[in-house]
Amino acid sequence: MRAEHRRQRWAAYATCVLTGAYGLMKLAHALGSDVLVDKEPMRPDLRVQMLARDGWFVASYWIMAAVAIAGVLLALATVQPWGRRLPRRLLLGLTGGIGALMVLRSVGPVGFGFLGDALVLTGLRPPPAEHAELARHLARWDLMLWSPFFLAWGALWIATARQFARRTRTSRIDT
């Protein structure tokens, strides 16, 4: 039985690892690091503010680091005894919803993501001429790094939700 429980928890712990990594990166940005900051896909006007360390961007890094901590706690709540105090539907809705949004972001039906990046890189959706080279540069980074990261992260959130649903459905039947 114990080995079965361990197999049903891998996604939650892997989700914690990716969520923690993302949160640490945002914390590093809040503290002044510029690691991968210039590779974040965004509009050119926002990019200028971000690279100038505008107060709103620094605040957003702190907020995202805090959200990542909450995300780690949310994923842990699906596998820890203290998580049983939280409503099952709330945990399922949050974990599945976060996963779906991340997968949607990685596919990119609007903006960045696999589809949006491919459209920019193939010229089917050309960016404004004055930002064309920057747009292609960011699309390549998004295609190689951010979209796969968000796809894997979203898939882990969905797997966490599925394993939690399966585990709690089984334990409800057993009692």
C-alpha atoms as a PDB file:
ATOM      1  CA  MET A   1       0.000   0.000   0.000  1.00  0.00           C
ATOM      2  CA  ARG A   2       2.837   2.408   0.835  1.00  0.00           C
ATOM      3  CA  ALA A   3       4.512   1.999  -2.570  1.00  0.00           C
ATOM      4  CA  GLU A   4       1.149   2.678  -4.219  1.00  0.00           C
ATOM      5  CA  HIS A   5       0.774   5.916  -2.237  1.00  0.00           C
ATOM      6  CA  ARG A   6       4.268   7.024  -3.253  1.00  0.00           C
ATOM      7  CA  ARG A   7       3.469   6.432  -6.918  1.00  0.00           C
ATOM      8  CA  GLN A   8       0.318   8.524  -6.540  1.00  0.00           C
ATOM      9  CA  ARG A   9       2.272  11.486  -5.149  1.00  0.00           C
ATOM     10  CA  TRP A  10       5.072  11.969  -7.673  1.00  0.00           C
ATOM     11  CA  ALA A  11       3.229  14.645  -9.681  1.00  0.00           C
ATOM     12  CA  ALA A  12       2.558  16.817  -6.634  1.00  0.00           C
ATOM     13  CA  TYR A  13       6.222  16.766  -5.623  1.00  0.00           C
ATOM     14  CA  ALA A  14       7.391  17.423  -9.188  1.00  0.00           C
ATOM     15  CA  THR A  15       4.910  20.315  -9.359  1.00  0.00           C
ATOM     16  CA  CYS A  16       6.449  21.676  -6.161  1.00  0.00           C
ATOM     17  CA  VAL A  17       9.913  21.528  -7.735  1.00  0.00           C
ATOM     18  CA  LEU A  18       8.913  23.471 -10.873  1.00  0.00           C
ATOM     19  CA  THR A  19       6.810  25.930  -8.883  1.00  0.00           C
ATOM     20  CA  GLY A  20       9.675  26.471  -6.447  1.00  0.00           C
ATOM     21  CA  ALA A  21      12.160  26.960  -9.295  1.00  0.00           C
ATOM     22  CA  TYR A  22       9.908  29.567 -10.895  1.00  0.00           C
ATOM     23  CA  GLY A  23       9.427  31.283  -7.537  1.00  0.00           C
ATOM     24  CA  LEU A  24      13.174  31.348  -6.867  1.00  0.00           C
ATOM     25  CA  MET A  25      13.767  32.919 -10.268  1.00  0.00           C
ATOM     26  CA  LYS A  26      11.184  35.631  -9.527  1.00  0.00           C
ATOM     27  CA  LEU A  27      12.706  36.185  -6.075  1.00  0.00           C
ATOM     28  CA  ALA A  28      16.134  36.554  -7.693  1.00  0.00           C
ATOM     29  CA  HIS A  29      14.655  39.113 -10.106  1.00  0.00           C
ATOM     30  CA  ALA A  30      13.081  40.998  -7.189  1.00  0.00           C
ATOM     31  CA  LEU A  31      16.480  41.108  -5.485  1.00  0.00           C
ATOM     32  CA  GLY A  32      18.163  42.519  -8.590  1.00  0.00           C
ATOM     33  CA  SER A  33      19.291  39.531 -10.645  1.00  0.00           C
ATOM     34  CA  ASP A  34      18.883  39.784 -14.388  1.00  0.00           C
ATOM     35  CA  VAL A  35      19.068  36.035 -15.126  1.00  0.00           C
ATOM     36  CA  LEU A  36      16.749  35.387 -18.097  1.00  0.00           C
ATOM     37  CA  VAL A  37      14.967  38.714 -17.545  1.00  0.00           C
ATOM     38  CA  ASP A  38      15.786  39.873 -21.059  1.00  0.00           C
ATOM     39  CA  LYS A  39      14.349  36.619 -22.440  1.00  0.00           C
ATOM     40  CA  GLU A  40      10.842  37.157 -21.067  1.00  0.00           C
ATOM     41  CA  PRO A  41       8.373  37.559 -23.927  1.00  0.00           C
ATOM     42  CA  MET A  42       6.430  40.803 -23.745  1.00  0.00           C
ATOM     43  CA  ARG A  43       5.550  43.937 -25.664  1.00  0.00           C
ATOM     44  CA  PRO A  44       8.501  46.247 -26.415  1.00  0.00           C
ATOM     45  CA  ASP A  45       7.136  49.161 -24.328  1.00  0.00           C
ATOM     46  CA  LEU A  46       6.753  46.889 -21.283  1.00  0.00           C
ATOM     47  CA  ARG A  47      10.165  45.390 -21.944  1.00  0.00           C
ATOM     48  CA  VAL A  48      11.800  48.829 -21.626  1.00  0.00           C
ATOM     49  CA  GLN A  49      10.126  49.334 -18.236  1.00  0.00           C
ATOM     50  CA  MET A  50      11.109  45.846 -17.114  1.00  0.00           C
ATOM     51  CA  LEU A  51      14.762  46.234 -18.076  1.00  0.00           C
ATOM     52  CA  ALA A  52      14.839  49.645 -16.337  1.00  0.00           C
ATOM     53  CA  ARG A  53      13.620  47.866 -13.159  1.00  0.00           C
ATOM     54  CA  ASP A  54      10.478  49.981 -12.976  1.00  0.00           C
ATOM     55  CA  GLY A  55       8.878  49.823  -9.522  1.00  0.00           C
ATOM     56  CA  TRP A  56       5.804  48.005 -10.808  1.00  0.00           C
ATOM     57  CA  PHE A  57       7.934  45.259 -12.323  1.00  0.00           C
ATOM     58  CA  VAL A  58       9.969  44.822  -9.155  1.00  0.00           C
ATOM     59  CA  ALA A  59       6.716  44.640  -7.174  1.00  0.00           C
ATOM     60  CA  SER A  60       5.364  42.063  -9.651  1.00  0.00           C
ATOM     61  CA  TYR A  61       8.444  39.904  -9.060  1.00  0.00           C
ATOM     62  CA  TRP A  62       7.794  39.951  -5.306  1.00  0.00           C
ATOM     63  CA  ILE A  63       4.134  39.123  -5.914  1.00  0.00           C
ATOM     64  CA  MET A  64       5.010  36.234  -8.244  1.00  0.00           C
ATOM     65  CA  ALA A  65       7.481  34.853  -5.689  1.00  0.00           C
ATOM     66  CA  ALA A  66       4.676  34.929  -3.080  1.00  0.00           C
ATOM     67  CA  VAL A  67       2.248  33.297  -5.533  1.00  0.00           C
ATOM     68  CA  ALA A  68       4.832  30.553  -6.133  1.00  0.00           C
ATOM     69  CA  ILE A  69       5.018  29.888  -2.381  1.00  0.00           C
ATOM     70  CA  ALA A  70       1.226  29.586  -2.362  1.00  0.00           C
ATOM     71  CA  GLY A  71       1.489  27.237  -5.355  1.00  0.00           C
ATOM     72  CA  VAL A  72       3.960  24.985  -3.553  1.00  0.00           C
ATOM     73  CA  LEU A  73       1.599  24.872  -0.567  1.00  0.00           C
ATOM     74  CA  LEU A  74      -1.355  24.120  -2.858  1.00  0.00           C
ATOM     75  CA  ALA A  75       0.447  21.204  -4.516  1.00  0.00           C
ATOM     76  CA  LEU A  76       1.559  19.901  -1.113  1.00  0.00           C
ATOM     77  CA  ALA A  77      -2.016  20.152   0.180  1.00  0.00           C
ATOM     78  CA  THR A  78      -2.977  17.412  -2.263  1.00  0.00           C
ATOM     79  CA  VAL A  79      -0.581  14.912  -0.653  1.00  0.00           C
ATOM     80  CA  GLN A  80      -0.202  16.009   2.973  1.00  0.00           C
ATOM     81  CA  PRO A  81      -2.555  15.169   5.849  1.00  0.00           C
ATOM     82  CA  TRP A  82      -3.119  18.860   6.645  1.00  0.00           C
ATOM     83  CA  GLY A  83      -4.516  19.291   3.118  1.00  0.00           C
ATOM     84  CA  ARG A  84      -7.536  17.163   4.070  1.00  0.00           C
ATOM     85  CA  ARG A  85      -8.892  20.172   5.974  1.00  0.00           C
ATOM     86  CA  LEU A  86      -9.356  22.022   2.690  1.00  0.00           C
ATOM     87  CA  PRO A  87     -12.400  21.426   0.488  1.00  0.00           C
ATOM     88  CA  ARG A  88     -11.721  18.673  -2.046  1.00  0.00           C
ATOM     89  CA  ARG A  89     -13.477  20.526  -4.869  1.00  0.00           C
ATOM     90  CA  LEU A  90     -11.448  23.671  -4.202  1.00  0.00           C
ATOM     91  CA  LEU A  91      -8.168  21.737  -4.439  1.00  0.00           C
ATOM     92  CA  LEU A  92      -9.302  19.945  -7.589  1.00  0.00           C
ATOM     93  CA  GLY A  93     -10.526  23.147  -9.207  1.00  0.00           C
ATOM     94  CA  LEU A  94      -7.389  25.115  -8.423  1.00  0.00           C
ATOM     95  CA  THR A  95      -4.892  22.435  -9.415  1.00  0.00           C
ATOM     96  CA  GLY A  96      -6.728  21.486 -12.606  1.00  0.00           C
ATOM     97  CA  GLY A  97      -7.469  25.106 -13.507  1.00  0.00           C
ATOM     98  CA  ILE A  98      -3.875  26.232 -13.031  1.00  0.00           C
ATOM     99  CA  GLY A  99      -2.727  23.322 -15.162  1.00  0.00           C
ATOM    100  CA  ALA A 100      -5.188  24.110 -17.933  1.00  0.00           C
ATOM    101  CA  LEU A 101      -4.162  27.785 -18.000  1.00  0.00           C
ATOM    102  CA  MET A 102      -0.478  26.873 -18.189  1.00  0.00           C
ATOM    103  CA  VAL A 103      -1.046  24.406 -21.015  1.00  0.00           C
ATOM    104  CA  LEU A 104      -3.126  27.034 -22.826  1.00  0.00           C
ATOM    105  CA  ARG A 105      -0.306  29.576 -22.375  1.00  0.00           C
ATOM    106  CA  SER A 106       2.228  27.093 -23.774  1.00  0.00           C
ATOM    107  CA  VAL A 107       0.127  26.386 -26.858  1.00  0.00           C
ATOM    108  CA  GLY A 108      -0.399  30.088 -27.386  1.00  0.00           C
ATOM    109  CA  PRO A 109      -3.619  30.563 -29.337  1.00  0.00           C
ATOM    110  CA  VAL A 110      -3.108  34.287 -28.689  1.00  0.00           C
ATOM    111  CA  GLY A 111       0.269  35.903 -28.196  1.00  0.00           C
ATOM    112  CA  PHE A 112       3.249  33.804 -27.201  1.00  0.00           C
ATOM    113  CA  GLY A 113       3.320  30.023 -27.057  1.00  0.00           C
ATOM    114  CA  PHE A 114       4.108  27.340 -29.618  1.00  0.00           C
ATOM    115  CA  LEU A 115       1.491  28.581 -32.072  1.00  0.00           C
ATOM    116  CA  GLY A 116       2.191  32.306 -31.663  1.00  0.00           C
ATOM    117  CA  ASP A 117       5.949  31.774 -31.859  1.00  0.00           C
ATOM    118  CA  ALA A 118       5.645  29.657 -34.989  1.00  0.00           C
ATOM    119  CA  LEU A 119       3.489  32.322 -36.638  1.00  0.00           C
ATOM    120  CA  VAL A 120       6.081  35.011 -35.879  1.00  0.00           C
ATOM    121  CA  LEU A 121       9.054  32.884 -36.942  1.00  0.00           C
ATOM    122  CA  THR A 122       7.455  31.770 -40.218  1.00  0.00           C
ATOM    123  CA  GLY A 123       6.332  35.286 -41.073  1.00  0.00           C
ATOM    124  CA  LEU A 124       2.634  34.383 -41.089  1.00  0.00           C
ATOM    125  CA  ARG A 125       2.092  36.980 -38.356  1.00  0.00           C
ATOM    126  CA  PRO A 126       4.804  39.546 -38.927  1.00  0.00           C
ATOM    127  CA  PRO A 127       5.547  41.883 -36.020  1.00  0.00           C
ATOM    128  CA  PRO A 128       5.875  45.657 -36.536  1.00  0.00           C
ATOM    129  CA  ALA A 129       8.993  46.340 -38.617  1.00  0.00           C
ATOM    130  CA  GLU A 130      10.700  48.378 -35.880  1.00  0.00           C
ATOM    131  CA  HIS A 131      10.465  45.414 -33.474  1.00  0.00           C
ATOM    132  CA  ALA A 132      10.815  42.531 -35.929  1.00  0.00           C
ATOM    133  CA  GLU A 133      14.261  41.318 -34.845  1.00  0.00           C
ATOM    134  CA  LEU A 134      13.387  41.550 -31.135  1.00  0.00           C
ATOM    135  CA  ALA A 135      10.093  39.716 -31.742  1.00  0.00           C
ATOM    136  CA  ARG A 136      11.882  36.892 -33.563  1.00  0.00           C
ATOM    137  CA  HIS A 137      14.530  36.709 -30.829  1.00  0.00           C
ATOM    138  CA  LEU A 138      11.893  36.467 -28.074  1.00  0.00           C
ATOM    139  CA  ALA A 139       9.834  33.975 -30.107  1.00  0.00           C
ATOM    140  CA  ARG A 140      12.882  31.693 -30.400  1.00  0.00           C
ATOM    141  CA  TRP A 141      13.504  31.882 -26.638  1.00  0.00           C
ATOM    142  CA  ASP A 142       9.853  31.292 -25.907  1.00  0.00           C
ATOM    143  CA  LEU A 143       9.769  28.333 -28.279  1.00  0.00           C
ATOM    144  CA  MET A 144      12.907  26.761 -26.758  1.00  0.00           C
ATOM    145  CA  LEU A 145      12.457  27.601 -23.069  1.00  0.00           C
ATOM    146  CA  TRP A 146       9.258  29.187 -21.808  1.00  0.00           C
ATOM    147  CA  SER A 147       6.593  27.309 -23.788  1.00  0.00           C
ATOM    148  CA  PRO A 148       8.066  23.851 -23.033  1.00  0.00           C
ATOM    149  CA  PHE A 149       8.474  24.865 -19.376  1.00  0.00           C
ATOM    150  CA  PHE A 150       4.846  25.989 -19.099  1.00  0.00           C
ATOM    151  CA  LEU A 151       3.654  22.877 -20.957  1.00  0.00           C
ATOM    152  CA  ALA A 152       5.527  20.558 -18.565  1.00  0.00           C
ATOM    153  CA  TRP A 153       4.483  22.608 -15.541  1.00  0.00           C
ATOM    154  CA  GLY A 154       0.842  22.653 -16.632  1.00  0.00           C
ATOM    155  CA  ALA A 155       0.883  18.923 -17.349  1.00  0.00           C
ATOM    156  CA  LEU A 156       2.242  18.338 -13.833  1.00  0.00           C
ATOM    157  CA  TRP A 157      -0.528  20.460 -12.288  1.00  0.00           C
ATOM    158  CA  ILE A 158      -3.097  18.432 -14.238  1.00  0.00           C
ATOM    159  CA  ALA A 159      -1.433  15.163 -13.186  1.00  0.00           C
ATOM    160  CA  THR A 160      -1.465  16.418  -9.576  1.00  0.00           C
ATOM    161  CA  ALA A 161      -5.206  17.090  -9.858  1.00  0.00           C
ATOM    162  CA  ARG A 162      -5.861  13.672 -11.425  1.00  0.00           C
ATOM    163  CA  GLN A 163      -3.825  11.808  -8.821  1.00  0.00           C
ATOM    164  CA  PHE A 164      -5.502  13.770  -6.033  1.00  0.00           C
ATOM    165  CA  ALA A 165      -8.946  12.993  -7.487  1.00  0.00           C
ATOM    166  CA  ARG A 166      -8.116   9.313  -7.828  1.00  0.00           C
ATOM    167  CA  ARG A 167      -6.621   9.084  -4.329  1.00  0.00           C
ATOM    168  CA  THR A 168      -9.458  10.936  -2.612  1.00  0.00           C
ATOM    169  CA  ARG A 169     -12.122   9.063  -4.564  1.00  0.00           C
ATOM    170  CA  THR A 170     -10.531   5.780  -3.442  1.00  0.00           C
ATOM    171  CA  SER A 171     -10.235   6.875   0.186  1.00  0.00           C
ATOM    172  CA  ARG A 172     -13.868   8.063   0.217  1.00  0.00           C
ATOM    173  CA  ILE A 173     -14.983   4.652  -1.022  1.00  0.00           C
ATOM    174  CA  ASP A 174     -12.825   2.855   1.562  1.00  0.00           C
ATOM    175  CA  THR A 175     -14.349   4.754   4.498  1.00  0.00           C
END
